[in-house]
Amino acid sequence: MQEVVSWNGDQSHCNITFLRSKNDWEEEDVLSLLALLANINVVLKGEDGIYWPHNSSGQFTIKSYRKETFKGSTQLDFPAKAIWKSKAPTKVCFLAWAETKGKIPLEEILARRSFK
C-alpha cells in the first residue's frame, strides 16, 4: 500500500497506475472509481493495510464497488448472465456486451446493409 497511498498529515492521496491502457468504453468506469476513491477516508489497520468500508470483509471487490456505485439507482445492469453464460462464441458475446454499452453504431451498420 505504501506504493499506492501517500500521506500529507492526516489526509491520504491514492496514486493509482494501471497495468494496461484503458479502453474507450472503460473511461467512464475509471473516472467513477477515481471519484469514489477521492471521497473515501483511508484508515490504516495495523501495518500497511487499508479497510474498504463497502464490503463486510474490508477487502475491495469489483462487486462491492458496483453495488456502491449503483446504490439507489433504478438503472438495470446489462444482462451479464444472458450474454456471458450463453453458448454463443466469445466474439458474439463481446459484440452483444459492447452494444449494451452503446459502443457499437448498430443502427448505422444495419441501415448501410439495408436492414431497416
PDB file of N, CA and C in Angstrom:
ATOM      1  N   MET A   1       0.812  -1.193   0.000  1.00  0.00           N
ATOM      2  CA  MET A   1       0.000   0.000   0.000  1.00  0.00           C
ATOM      3  C   MET A   1       0.857   1.259   0.000  1.00  0.00           C
ATOM      4  N   GLN A   2       2.061   1.168   0.477  1.00  0.00           N
ATOM      5  CA  GLN A   2       2.914   2.353   0.500  1.00  0.00           C
ATOM      6  C   GLN A   2       3.164   2.885  -0.904  1.00  0.00           C
ATOM      7  N   GLU A   3       3.089   2.009  -1.911  1.00  0.00           N
ATOM      8  CA  GLU A   3       3.290   2.435  -3.293  1.00  0.00           C
ATOM      9  C   GLU A   3       2.063   3.140  -3.854  1.00  0.00           C
ATOM     10  N   VAL A   4       0.889   2.909  -3.266  1.00  0.00           N
ATOM     11  CA  VAL A   4      -0.365   3.437  -3.808  1.00  0.00           C
ATOM     12  C   VAL A   4      -0.864   4.657  -3.036  1.00  0.00           C
ATOM     13  N   VAL A   5      -0.664   4.670  -1.736  1.00  0.00           N
ATOM     14  CA  VAL A   5      -1.204   5.750  -0.904  1.00  0.00           C
ATOM     15  C   VAL A   5      -0.065   6.602  -0.363  1.00  0.00           C
ATOM     16  N   SER A   6      -0.209   7.911  -0.521  1.00  0.00           N
ATOM     17  CA  SER A   6       0.746   8.834   0.100  1.00  0.00           C
ATOM     18  C   SER A   6      -0.022   9.674   1.117  1.00  0.00           C
ATOM     19  N   TRP A   7       0.668  10.108   2.130  1.00  0.00           N
ATOM     20  CA  TRP A   7       0.026  10.835   3.226  1.00  0.00           C
ATOM     21  C   TRP A   7       0.574  12.249   3.302  1.00  0.00           C
ATOM     22  N   ASN A   8      -0.327  13.185   3.586  1.00  0.00           N
ATOM     23  CA  ASN A   8       0.032  14.569   3.839  1.00  0.00           C
ATOM     24  C   ASN A   8      -0.637  14.922   5.157  1.00  0.00           C
ATOM     25  N   GLY A   9       0.059  14.687   6.229  1.00  0.00           N
ATOM     26  CA  GLY A   9      -0.550  14.861   7.554  1.00  0.00           C
ATOM     27  C   GLY A   9      -1.574  13.766   7.772  1.00  0.00           C
ATOM     28  N   ASP A  10      -2.838  14.144   8.012  1.00  0.00           N
ATOM     29  CA  ASP A  10      -3.917  13.180   8.213  1.00  0.00           C
ATOM     30  C   ASP A  10      -4.632  12.821   6.914  1.00  0.00           C
ATOM     31  N   GLN A  11      -4.327  13.521   5.828  1.00  0.00           N
ATOM     32  CA  GLN A  11      -5.007  13.265   4.565  1.00  0.00           C
ATOM     33  C   GLN A  11      -4.201  12.296   3.699  1.00  0.00           C
ATOM     34  N   SER A  12      -4.945  11.411   3.023  1.00  0.00           N
ATOM     35  CA  SER A  12      -4.298  10.447   2.133  1.00  0.00           C
ATOM     36  C   SER A  12      -4.610  10.782   0.685  1.00  0.00           C
ATOM     37  N   HIS A  13      -3.749  10.314  -0.198  1.00  0.00           N
ATOM     38  CA  HIS A  13      -3.930  10.523  -1.631  1.00  0.00           C
ATOM     39  C   HIS A  13      -3.549   9.228  -2.334  1.00  0.00           C
ATOM     40  N   CYS A  14      -4.446   8.733  -3.223  1.00  0.00           N
ATOM     41  CA  CYS A  14      -4.183   7.495  -3.962  1.00  0.00           C
ATOM     42  C   CYS A  14      -3.433   7.797  -5.246  1.00  0.00           C
ATOM     43  N   ASN A  15      -2.325   7.114  -5.453  1.00  0.00           N
ATOM     44  CA  ASN A  15      -1.534   7.231  -6.671  1.00  0.00           C
ATOM     45  C   ASN A  15      -1.717   5.936  -7.449  1.00  0.00           C
ATOM     46  N   ILE A  16      -2.763   5.879  -8.261  1.00  0.00           N
ATOM     47  CA  ILE A  16      -3.111   4.640  -8.945  1.00  0.00           C
ATOM     48  C   ILE A  16      -2.536   4.632 -10.349  1.00  0.00           C
ATOM     49  N   THR A  17      -1.887   3.533 -10.686  1.00  0.00           N
ATOM     50  CA  THR A  17      -1.432   3.310 -12.057  1.00  0.00           C
ATOM     51  C   THR A  17      -2.018   1.975 -12.514  1.00  0.00           C
ATOM     52  N   PHE A  18      -2.357   1.888 -13.777  1.00  0.00           N
ATOM     53  CA  PHE A  18      -2.955   0.680 -14.330  1.00  0.00           C
ATOM     54  C   PHE A  18      -1.914  -0.079 -15.147  1.00  0.00           C
ATOM     55  N   LEU A  19      -2.045  -1.386 -15.173  1.00  0.00           N
ATOM     56  CA  LEU A  19      -1.090  -2.221 -15.903  1.00  0.00           C
ATOM     57  C   LEU A  19      -1.240  -2.082 -17.412  1.00  0.00           C
ATOM     58  N   ARG A  20      -2.424  -1.751 -17.862  1.00  0.00           N
ATOM     59  CA  ARG A  20      -2.656  -1.576 -19.290  1.00  0.00           C
ATOM     60  C   ARG A  20      -3.439  -0.294 -19.511  1.00  0.00           C
ATOM     61  N   SER A  21      -3.432   0.186 -20.731  1.00  0.00           N
ATOM     62  CA  SER A  21      -4.208   1.379 -21.071  1.00  0.00           C
ATOM     63  C   SER A  21      -5.688   1.029 -21.041  1.00  0.00           C
ATOM     64  N   LYS A  22      -6.491   1.982 -20.621  1.00  0.00           N
ATOM     65  CA  LYS A  22      -7.932   1.729 -20.569  1.00  0.00           C
ATOM     66  C   LYS A  22      -8.526   1.848 -21.964  1.00  0.00           C
ATOM     67  N   ASN A  23      -9.585   1.090 -22.192  1.00  0.00           N
ATOM     68  CA  ASN A  23     -10.321   1.167 -23.451  1.00  0.00           C
ATOM     69  C   ASN A  23     -11.316   2.313 -23.377  1.00  0.00           C
ATOM     70  N   ASP A  24     -11.804   2.746 -24.539  1.00  0.00           N
ATOM     71  CA  ASP A  24     -12.752   3.870 -24.588  1.00  0.00           C
ATOM     72  C   ASP A  24     -13.969   3.617 -23.709  1.00  0.00           C
ATOM     73  N   TRP A  25     -14.502   2.399 -23.751  1.00  0.00           N
ATOM     74  CA  TRP A  25     -15.721   2.107 -23.005  1.00  0.00           C
ATOM     75  C   TRP A  25     -15.468   1.972 -21.505  1.00  0.00           C
ATOM     76  N   GLU A  26     -14.200   1.940 -21.075  1.00  0.00           N
ATOM     77  CA  GLU A  26     -13.873   1.852 -19.650  1.00  0.00           C
ATOM     78  C   GLU A  26     -13.641   3.222 -19.023  1.00  0.00           C
ATOM     79  N   GLU A  27     -13.528   4.246 -19.847  1.00  0.00           N
ATOM     80  CA  GLU A  27     -13.198   5.592 -19.377  1.00  0.00           C
ATOM     81  C   GLU A  27     -14.141   6.064 -18.272  1.00  0.00           C
ATOM     82  N   GLU A  28     -15.443   5.923 -18.497  1.00  0.00           N
ATOM     83  CA  GLU A  28     -16.436   6.379 -17.529  1.00  0.00           C
ATOM     84  C   GLU A  28     -16.313   5.618 -16.209  1.00  0.00           C
ATOM     85  N   ASP A  29     -16.089   4.296 -16.278  1.00  0.00           N
ATOM     86  CA  ASP A  29     -15.959   3.495 -15.060  1.00  0.00           C
ATOM     87  C   ASP A  29     -14.697   3.868 -14.280  1.00  0.00           C
ATOM     88  N   VAL A  30     -13.604   4.128 -14.988  1.00  0.00           N
ATOM     89  CA  VAL A  30     -12.359   4.510 -14.319  1.00  0.00           C
ATOM     90  C   VAL A  30     -12.540   5.849 -13.610  1.00  0.00           C
ATOM     91  N   LEU A  31     -13.165   6.803 -14.297  1.00  0.00           N
ATOM     92  CA  LEU A  31     -13.405   8.106 -13.666  1.00  0.00           C
ATOM     93  C   LEU A  31     -14.323   7.980 -12.460  1.00  0.00           C
ATOM     94  N   SER A  32     -15.312   7.109 -12.573  1.00  0.00           N
ATOM     95  CA  SER A  32     -16.226   6.868 -11.455  1.00  0.00           C
ATOM     96  C   SER A  32     -15.472   6.257 -10.268  1.00  0.00           C
ATOM     97  N   LEU A  33     -14.599   5.305 -10.557  1.00  0.00           N
ATOM     98  CA  LEU A  33     -13.794   4.691  -9.494  1.00  0.00           C
ATOM     99  C   LEU A  33     -12.904   5.722  -8.818  1.00  0.00           C
ATOM    100  N   LEU A  34     -12.232   6.547  -9.603  1.00  0.00           N
ATOM    101  CA  LEU A  34     -11.344   7.565  -9.032  1.00  0.00           C
ATOM    102  C   LEU A  34     -12.123   8.581  -8.197  1.00  0.00           C
ATOM    103  N   ALA A  35     -13.323   8.948  -8.652  1.00  0.00           N
ATOM    104  CA  ALA A  35     -14.159   9.880  -7.881  1.00  0.00           C
ATOM    105  C   ALA A  35     -14.589   9.244  -6.568  1.00  0.00           C
ATOM    106  N   LEU A  36     -14.936   7.957  -6.623  1.00  0.00           N
ATOM    107  CA  LEU A  36     -15.336   7.250  -5.404  1.00  0.00           C
ATOM    108  C   LEU A  36     -14.166   7.159  -4.427  1.00  0.00           C
ATOM    109  N   LEU A  37     -12.987   6.847  -4.945  1.00  0.00           N
ATOM    110  CA  LEU A  37     -11.806   6.741  -4.081  1.00  0.00           C
ATOM    111  C   LEU A  37     -11.424   8.093  -3.477  1.00  0.00           C
ATOM    112  N   ALA A  38     -11.668   9.163  -4.207  1.00  0.00           N
ATOM    113  CA  ALA A  38     -11.340  10.501  -3.700  1.00  0.00           C
ATOM    114  C   ALA A  38     -12.184  10.853  -2.478  1.00  0.00           C
ATOM    115  N   ASN A  39     -13.386  10.280  -2.399  1.00  0.00           N
ATOM    116  CA  ASN A  39     -14.284  10.582  -1.280  1.00  0.00           C
ATOM    117  C   ASN A  39     -14.166   9.596  -0.124  1.00  0.00           C
ATOM    118  N   ILE A  40     -13.268   8.640  -0.227  1.00  0.00           N
ATOM    119  CA  ILE A  40     -13.099   7.624   0.807  1.00  0.00           C
ATOM    120  C   ILE A  40     -12.048   8.090   1.815  1.00  0.00           C
ATOM    121  N   ASN A  41     -12.378   7.924   3.076  1.00  0.00           N
ATOM    122  CA  ASN A  41     -11.420   8.216   4.136  1.00  0.00           C
ATOM    123  C   ASN A  41     -10.596   6.955   4.367  1.00  0.00           C
ATOM    124  N   VAL A  42      -9.327   6.993   4.017  1.00  0.00           N
ATOM    125  CA  VAL A  42      -8.458   5.840   4.159  1.00  0.00           C
ATOM    126  C   VAL A  42      -8.071   5.694   5.623  1.00  0.00           C
ATOM    127  N   VAL A  43      -8.267   4.489   6.149  1.00  0.00           N
ATOM    128  CA  VAL A  43      -7.959   4.211   7.543  1.00  0.00           C
ATOM    129  C   VAL A  43      -6.896   3.121   7.591  1.00  0.00           C
ATOM    130  N   LEU A  44      -5.827   3.395   8.267  1.00  0.00           N
ATOM    131  CA  LEU A  44      -4.783   2.381   8.407  1.00  0.00           C
ATOM    132  C   LEU A  44      -5.205   1.354   9.447  1.00  0.00           C
ATOM    133  N   LYS A  45      -5.035   0.081   9.113  1.00  0.00           N
ATOM    134  CA  LYS A  45      -5.319  -1.011  10.049  1.00  0.00           C
ATOM    135  C   LYS A  45      -4.023  -1.779  10.243  1.00  0.00           C
ATOM    136  N   GLY A  46      -3.407  -1.559  11.359  1.00  0.00           N
ATOM    137  CA  GLY A  46      -2.140  -2.245  11.604  1.00  0.00           C
ATOM    138  C   GLY A  46      -1.059  -1.684  10.716  1.00  0.00           C
ATOM    139  N   GLU A  47      -0.204  -2.575  10.296  1.00  0.00           N
ATOM    140  CA  GLU A  47       0.924  -2.143   9.483  1.00  0.00           C
ATOM    141  C   GLU A  47       0.595  -2.276   8.004  1.00  0.00           C
ATOM    142  N   ASP A  48       0.541  -1.169   7.310  1.00  0.00           N
ATOM    143  CA  ASP A  48       0.361  -1.114   5.866  1.00  0.00           C
ATOM    144  C   ASP A  48      -0.873  -1.863   5.376  1.00  0.00           C
ATOM    145  N   GLY A  49      -2.034  -1.506   5.888  1.00  0.00           N
ATOM    146  CA  GLY A  49      -3.274  -2.110   5.425  1.00  0.00           C
ATOM    147  C   GLY A  49      -4.375  -1.070   5.315  1.00  0.00           C
ATOM    148  N   ILE A  50      -5.320  -1.312   4.433  1.00  0.00           N
ATOM    149  CA  ILE A  50      -6.425  -0.386   4.243  1.00  0.00           C
ATOM    150  C   ILE A  50      -7.722  -1.172   4.291  1.00  0.00           C
ATOM    151  N   TYR A  51      -8.728  -0.568   4.867  1.00  0.00           N
ATOM    152  CA  TYR A  51     -10.036  -1.193   5.019  1.00  0.00           C
ATOM    153  C   TYR A  51     -10.996  -0.580   4.009  1.00  0.00           C
ATOM    154  N   TRP A  52     -11.712  -1.405   3.226  1.00  0.00           N
ATOM    155  CA  TRP A  52     -12.725  -0.940   2.273  1.00  0.00           C
ATOM    156  C   TRP A  52     -14.072  -0.990   2.983  1.00  0.00           C
ATOM    157  N   PRO A  53     -14.685   0.166   3.270  1.00  0.00           N
ATOM    158  CA  PRO A  53     -15.897   0.192   4.100  1.00  0.00           C
ATOM    159  C   PRO A  53     -17.158  -0.340   3.417  1.00  0.00           C
ATOM    160  N   HIS A  54     -17.109  -0.625   2.126  1.00  0.00           N
ATOM    161  CA  HIS A  54     -18.303  -1.061   1.403  1.00  0.00           C
ATOM    162  C   HIS A  54     -18.380  -2.574   1.259  1.00  0.00           C
ATOM    163  N   ASN A  55     -17.575  -3.294   2.008  1.00  0.00           N
ATOM    164  CA  ASN A  55     -17.575  -4.749   1.985  1.00  0.00           C
ATOM    165  C   ASN A  55     -17.357  -5.225   3.423  1.00  0.00           C
ATOM    166  N   SER A  56     -18.109  -6.214   3.863  1.00  0.00           N
ATOM    167  CA  SER A  56     -18.024  -6.662   5.258  1.00  0.00           C
ATOM    168  C   SER A  56     -16.645  -7.212   5.624  1.00  0.00           C
ATOM    169  N   SER A  57     -15.913  -7.731   4.630  1.00  0.00           N
ATOM    170  CA  SER A  57     -14.575  -8.258   4.906  1.00  0.00           C
ATOM    171  C   SER A  57     -13.525  -7.152   4.951  1.00  0.00           C
ATOM    172  N   GLY A  58     -13.891  -5.953   4.477  1.00  0.00           N
ATOM    173  CA  GLY A  58     -12.930  -4.853   4.447  1.00  0.00           C
ATOM    174  C   GLY A  58     -12.046  -4.885   3.217  1.00  0.00           C
ATOM    175  N   GLN A  59     -12.254  -5.870   2.347  1.00  0.00           N
ATOM    176  CA  GLN A  59     -11.458  -6.002   1.131  1.00  0.00           C
ATOM    177  C   GLN A  59     -12.196  -5.375  -0.040  1.00  0.00           C
ATOM    178  N   PHE A  60     -11.466  -4.696  -0.914  1.00  0.00           N
ATOM    179  CA  PHE A  60     -12.066  -4.117  -2.106  1.00  0.00           C
ATOM    180  C   PHE A  60     -12.393  -5.235  -3.090  1.00  0.00           C
ATOM    181  N   THR A  61     -13.628  -5.205  -3.616  1.00  0.00           N
ATOM    182  CA  THR A  61     -14.020  -6.118  -4.688  1.00  0.00           C
ATOM    183  C   THR A  61     -14.776  -5.304  -5.735  1.00  0.00           C
ATOM    184  N   ILE A  62     -14.713  -5.768  -6.965  1.00  0.00           N
ATOM    185  CA  ILE A  62     -15.453  -5.099  -8.028  1.00  0.00           C
ATOM    186  C   ILE A  62     -16.949  -5.141  -7.724  1.00  0.00           C
ATOM    187  N   LYS A  63     -17.416  -6.260  -7.171  1.00  0.00           N
ATOM    188  CA  LYS A  63     -18.836  -6.398  -6.836  1.00  0.00           C
ATOM    189  C   LYS A  63     -19.261  -5.319  -5.828  1.00  0.00           C
ATOM    190  N   SER A  64     -18.460  -5.110  -4.778  1.00  0.00           N
ATOM    191  CA  SER A  64     -18.819  -4.095  -3.783  1.00  0.00           C
ATOM    192  C   SER A  64     -18.724  -2.689  -4.372  1.00  0.00           C
ATOM    193  N   TYR A  65     -17.793  -2.477  -5.289  1.00  0.00           N
ATOM    194  CA  TYR A  65     -17.677  -1.176  -5.957  1.00  0.00           C
ATOM    195  C   TYR A  65     -18.920  -0.900  -6.802  1.00  0.00           C
ATOM    196  N   ARG A  66     -19.342  -1.884  -7.610  1.00  0.00           N
ATOM    197  CA  ARG A  66     -20.519  -1.710  -8.467  1.00  0.00           C
ATOM    198  C   ARG A  66     -21.780  -1.525  -7.623  1.00  0.00           C
ATOM    199  N   LYS A  67     -21.873  -2.284  -6.522  1.00  0.00           N
ATOM    200  CA  LYS A  67     -23.027  -2.166  -5.630  1.00  0.00           C
ATOM    201  C   LYS A  67     -23.094  -0.748  -5.048  1.00  0.00           C
ATOM    202  N   GLU A  68     -21.968  -0.211  -4.651  1.00  0.00           N
ATOM    203  CA  GLU A  68     -21.912   1.135  -4.088  1.00  0.00           C
ATOM    204  C   GLU A  68     -22.194   2.186  -5.164  1.00  0.00           C
ATOM    205  N   THR A  69     -21.685   1.970  -6.351  1.00  0.00           N
ATOM    206  CA  THR A  69     -21.860   2.925  -7.440  1.00  0.00           C
ATOM    207  C   THR A  69     -23.318   3.039  -7.857  1.00  0.00           C
ATOM    208  N   PHE A  70     -24.017   1.899  -7.940  1.00  0.00           N
ATOM    209  CA  PHE A  70     -25.393   1.905  -8.414  1.00  0.00           C
ATOM    210  C   PHE A  70     -26.412   1.844  -7.280  1.00  0.00           C
ATOM    211  N   LYS A  71     -25.990   2.130  -6.042  1.00  0.00           N
ATOM    212  CA  LYS A  71     -26.890   2.106  -4.896  1.00  0.00           C
ATOM    213  C   LYS A  71     -28.011   3.127  -5.091  1.00  0.00           C
ATOM    214  N   GLY A  72     -29.253   2.668  -4.946  1.00  0.00           N
ATOM    215  CA  GLY A  72     -30.401   3.551  -5.090  1.00  0.00           C
ATOM    216  C   GLY A  72     -30.784   3.838  -6.530  1.00  0.00           C
ATOM    217  N   SER A  73     -30.047   3.282  -7.462  1.00  0.00           N
ATOM    218  CA  SER A  73     -30.342   3.514  -8.874  1.00  0.00           C
ATOM    219  C   SER A  73     -31.392   2.535  -9.364  1.00  0.00           C
ATOM    220  N   THR A  74     -32.272   3.014 -10.214  1.00  0.00           N
ATOM    221  CA  THR A  74     -33.264   2.124 -10.814  1.00  0.00           C
ATOM    222  C   THR A  74     -32.757   1.565 -12.130  1.00  0.00           C
ATOM    223  N   GLN A  75     -31.573   2.026 -12.548  1.00  0.00           N
ATOM    224  CA  GLN A  75     -30.983   1.546 -13.795  1.00  0.00           C
ATOM    225  C   GLN A  75     -30.583   0.082 -13.635  1.00  0.00           C
ATOM    226  N   LEU A  76     -30.997  -0.745 -14.570  1.00  0.00           N
ATOM    227  CA  LEU A  76     -30.645  -2.155 -14.533  1.00  0.00           C
ATOM    228  C   LEU A  76     -29.269  -2.351 -15.153  1.00  0.00           C
ATOM    229  N   ASP A  77     -28.515  -3.259 -14.590  1.00  0.00           N
ATOM    230  CA  ASP A  77     -27.219  -3.594 -15.136  1.00  0.00           C
ATOM    231  C   ASP A  77     -27.421  -4.386 -16.419  1.00  0.00           C
ATOM    232  N   PHE A  78     -26.433  -4.394 -17.278  1.00  0.00           N
ATOM    233  CA  PHE A  78     -26.594  -5.141 -18.516  1.00  0.00           C
ATOM    234  C   PHE A  78     -26.784  -6.622 -18.183  1.00  0.00           C
ATOM    235  N   PRO A  79     -27.494  -7.346 -19.025  1.00  0.00           N
ATOM    236  CA  PRO A  79     -27.835  -8.750 -18.732  1.00  0.00           C
ATOM    237  C   PRO A  79     -26.622  -9.667 -18.830  1.00  0.00           C
ATOM    238  N   ALA A  80     -25.764  -9.603 -17.837  1.00  0.00           N
ATOM    239  CA  ALA A  80     -24.495 -10.321 -17.874  1.00  0.00           C
ATOM    240  C   ALA A  80     -24.665 -11.821 -18.075  1.00  0.00           C
ATOM    241  N   LYS A  81     -25.540 -12.441 -17.303  1.00  0.00           N
ATOM    242  CA  LYS A  81     -25.700 -13.892 -17.423  1.00  0.00           C
ATOM    243  C   LYS A  81     -26.207 -14.283 -18.794  1.00  0.00           C
ATOM    244  N   ALA A  82     -27.168 -13.520 -19.310  1.00  0.00           N
ATOM    245  CA  ALA A  82     -27.722 -13.837 -20.620  1.00  0.00           C
ATOM    246  C   ALA A  82     -26.661 -13.706 -21.712  1.00  0.00           C
ATOM    247  N   ILE A  83     -25.730 -12.793 -21.533  1.00  0.00           N
ATOM    248  CA  ILE A  83     -24.699 -12.581 -22.555  1.00  0.00           C
ATOM    249  C   ILE A  83     -23.521 -13.529 -22.357  1.00  0.00           C
ATOM    250  N   TRP A  84     -22.882 -13.475 -21.187  1.00  0.00           N
ATOM    251  CA  TRP A  84     -21.618 -14.200 -21.000  1.00  0.00           C
ATOM    252  C   TRP A  84     -21.801 -15.691 -20.736  1.00  0.00           C
ATOM    253  N   LYS A  85     -22.954 -16.101 -20.227  1.00  0.00           N
ATOM    254  CA  LYS A  85     -23.180 -17.522 -19.942  1.00  0.00           C
ATOM    255  C   LYS A  85     -23.872 -18.250 -21.095  1.00  0.00           C
ATOM    256  N   SER A  86     -24.106 -17.541 -22.196  1.00  0.00           N
ATOM    257  CA  SER A  86     -24.754 -18.176 -23.337  1.00  0.00           C
ATOM    258  C   SER A  86     -23.764 -19.110 -24.036  1.00  0.00           C
ATOM    259  N   LYS A  87     -24.265 -19.898 -24.942  1.00  0.00           N
ATOM    260  CA  LYS A  87     -23.409 -20.825 -25.679  1.00  0.00           C
ATOM    261  C   LYS A  87     -22.879 -20.208 -26.966  1.00  0.00           C
ATOM    262  N   ALA A  88     -23.086 -18.921 -27.113  1.00  0.00           N
ATOM    263  CA  ALA A  88     -22.603 -18.210 -28.298  1.00  0.00           C
ATOM    264  C   ALA A  88     -21.082 -18.076 -28.237  1.00  0.00           C
ATOM    265  N   PRO A  89     -20.441 -17.937 -29.397  1.00  0.00           N
ATOM    266  CA  PRO A  89     -18.985 -17.722 -29.409  1.00  0.00           C
ATOM    267  C   PRO A  89     -18.616 -16.443 -28.649  1.00  0.00           C
ATOM    268  N   THR A  90     -17.419 -16.412 -28.114  1.00  0.00           N
ATOM    269  CA  THR A  90     -16.956 -15.279 -27.312  1.00  0.00           C
ATOM    270  C   THR A  90     -17.069 -13.968 -28.068  1.00  0.00           C
ATOM    271  N   LYS A  91     -16.719 -13.959 -29.366  1.00  0.00           N
ATOM    272  CA  LYS A  91     -16.778 -12.704 -30.114  1.00  0.00           C
ATOM    273  C   LYS A  91     -18.218 -12.205 -30.253  1.00  0.00           C
ATOM    274  N   VAL A  92     -19.190 -13.100 -30.297  1.00  0.00           N
ATOM    275  CA  VAL A  92     -20.593 -12.703 -30.344  1.00  0.00           C
ATOM    276  C   VAL A  92     -21.012 -12.139 -28.994  1.00  0.00           C
ATOM    277  N   CYS A  93     -20.569 -12.776 -27.908  1.00  0.00           N
ATOM    278  CA  CYS A  93     -20.862 -12.271 -26.556  1.00  0.00           C
ATOM    279  C   CYS A  93     -20.287 -10.870 -26.379  1.00  0.00           C
ATOM    280  N   PHE A  94     -19.055 -10.671 -26.853  1.00  0.00           N
ATOM    281  CA  PHE A  94     -18.418  -9.357 -26.738  1.00  0.00           C
ATOM    282  C   PHE A  94     -19.199  -8.312 -27.523  1.00  0.00           C
ATOM    283  N   LEU A  95     -19.631  -8.666 -28.734  1.00  0.00           N
ATOM    284  CA  LEU A  95     -20.404  -7.743 -29.556  1.00  0.00           C
ATOM    285  C   LEU A  95     -21.712  -7.358 -28.857  1.00  0.00           C
ATOM    286  N   ALA A  96     -22.400  -8.340 -28.272  1.00  0.00           N
ATOM    287  CA  ALA A  96     -23.656  -8.071 -27.551  1.00  0.00           C
ATOM    288  C   ALA A  96     -23.392  -7.181 -26.340  1.00  0.00           C
ATOM    289  N   TRP A  97     -22.319  -7.465 -25.612  1.00  0.00           N
ATOM    290  CA  TRP A  97     -21.973  -6.656 -24.440  1.00  0.00           C
ATOM    291  C   TRP A  97     -21.649  -5.219 -24.848  1.00  0.00           C
ATOM    292  N   ALA A  98     -20.849  -5.060 -25.900  1.00  0.00           N
ATOM    293  CA  ALA A  98     -20.468  -3.717 -26.364  1.00  0.00           C
ATOM    294  C   ALA A  98     -21.707  -2.934 -26.802  1.00  0.00           C
ATOM    295  N   GLU A  99     -22.663  -3.612 -27.414  1.00  0.00           N
ATOM    296  CA  GLU A  99     -23.895  -2.948 -27.837  1.00  0.00           C
ATOM    297  C   GLU A  99     -24.701  -2.467 -26.625  1.00  0.00           C
ATOM    298  N   THR A 100     -24.725  -3.260 -25.529  1.00  0.00           N
ATOM    299  CA  THR A 100     -25.457  -2.822 -24.335  1.00  0.00           C
ATOM    300  C   THR A 100     -24.832  -1.567 -23.731  1.00  0.00           C
ATOM    301  N   LYS A 101     -23.554  -1.364 -23.997  1.00  0.00           N
ATOM    302  CA  LYS A 101     -22.858  -0.173 -23.515  1.00  0.00           C
ATOM    303  C   LYS A 101     -22.984   1.001 -24.485  1.00  0.00           C
ATOM    304  N   GLY A 102     -23.649   0.763 -25.631  1.00  0.00           N
ATOM    305  CA  GLY A 102     -23.818   1.831 -26.618  1.00  0.00           C
ATOM    306  C   GLY A 102     -22.553   2.151 -27.378  1.00  0.00           C
ATOM    307  N   LYS A 103     -21.654   1.190 -27.513  1.00  0.00           N
ATOM    308  CA  LYS A 103     -20.365   1.427 -28.149  1.00  0.00           C
ATOM    309  C   LYS A 103     -20.309   0.975 -29.604  1.00  0.00           C
ATOM    310  N   ILE A 104     -21.417   0.447 -30.114  1.00  0.00           N
ATOM    311  CA  ILE A 104     -21.456  -0.004 -31.500  1.00  0.00           C
ATOM    312  C   ILE A 104     -22.606   0.724 -32.197  1.00  0.00           C
ATOM    313  N   PRO A 105     -22.326   1.402 -33.305  1.00  0.00           N
ATOM    314  CA  PRO A 105     -23.397   2.091 -34.031  1.00  0.00           C
ATOM    315  C   PRO A 105     -24.220   1.089 -34.841  1.00  0.00           C
ATOM    316  N   LEU A 106     -24.933   0.210 -34.133  1.00  0.00           N
ATOM    317  CA  LEU A 106     -25.632  -0.896 -34.762  1.00  0.00           C
ATOM    318  C   LEU A 106     -26.674  -0.427 -35.780  1.00  0.00           C
ATOM    319  N   GLU A 107     -27.421   0.618 -35.453  1.00  0.00           N
ATOM    320  CA  GLU A 107     -28.438   1.104 -36.384  1.00  0.00           C
ATOM    321  C   GLU A 107     -27.816   1.569 -37.693  1.00  0.00           C
ATOM    322  N   GLU A 108     -26.667   2.252 -37.614  1.00  0.00           N
ATOM    323  CA  GLU A 108     -25.990   2.718 -38.829  1.00  0.00           C
ATOM    324  C   GLU A 108     -25.486   1.547 -39.661  1.00  0.00           C
ATOM    325  N   ILE A 109     -24.948   0.541 -39.002  1.00  0.00           N
ATOM    326  CA  ILE A 109     -24.437  -0.633 -39.708  1.00  0.00           C
ATOM    327  C   ILE A 109     -25.577  -1.359 -40.426  1.00  0.00           C
ATOM    328  N   LEU A 110     -26.689  -1.546 -39.717  1.00  0.00           N
ATOM    329  CA  LEU A 110     -27.833  -2.213 -40.320  1.00  0.00           C
ATOM    330  C   LEU A 110     -28.430  -1.381 -41.465  1.00  0.00           C
ATOM    331  N   ALA A 111     -28.482  -0.069 -41.330  1.00  0.00           N
ATOM    332  CA  ALA A 111     -29.010   0.788 -42.377  1.00  0.00           C
ATOM    333  C   ALA A 111     -28.140   0.696 -43.637  1.00  0.00           C
ATOM    334  N   ARG A 112     -26.816   0.653 -43.468  1.00  0.00           N
ATOM    335  CA  ARG A 112     -25.914   0.509 -44.603  1.00  0.00           C
ATOM    336  C   ARG A 112     -26.155  -0.792 -45.354  1.00  0.00           C
ATOM    337  N   ARG A 113     -26.578  -1.806 -44.631  1.00  0.00           N
ATOM    338  CA  ARG A 113     -26.820  -3.119 -45.241  1.00  0.00           C
ATOM    339  C   ARG A 113     -28.291  -3.309 -45.590  1.00  0.00           C
ATOM    340  N   SER A 114     -29.060  -2.247 -45.542  1.00  0.00           N
ATOM    341  CA  SER A 114     -30.495  -2.245 -45.880  1.00  0.00           C
ATOM    342  C   SER A 114     -31.331  -3.159 -45.002  1.00  0.00           C
ATOM    343  N   PHE A 115     -31.032  -3.209 -43.715  1.00  0.00           N
ATOM    344  CA  PHE A 115     -31.820  -3.996 -42.751  1.00  0.00           C
ATOM    345  C   PHE A 115     -32.597  -3.054 -41.834  1.00  0.00           C
ATOM    346  N   LYS A 116     -33.408  -2.181 -42.381  1.00  0.00           N
ATOM    347  CA  LYS A 116     -34.151  -1.228 -41.547  1.00  0.00           C
ATOM    348  C   LYS A 116     -35.223  -1.894 -40.871  1.00  0.00           C
TER     349      LYS A 116
END
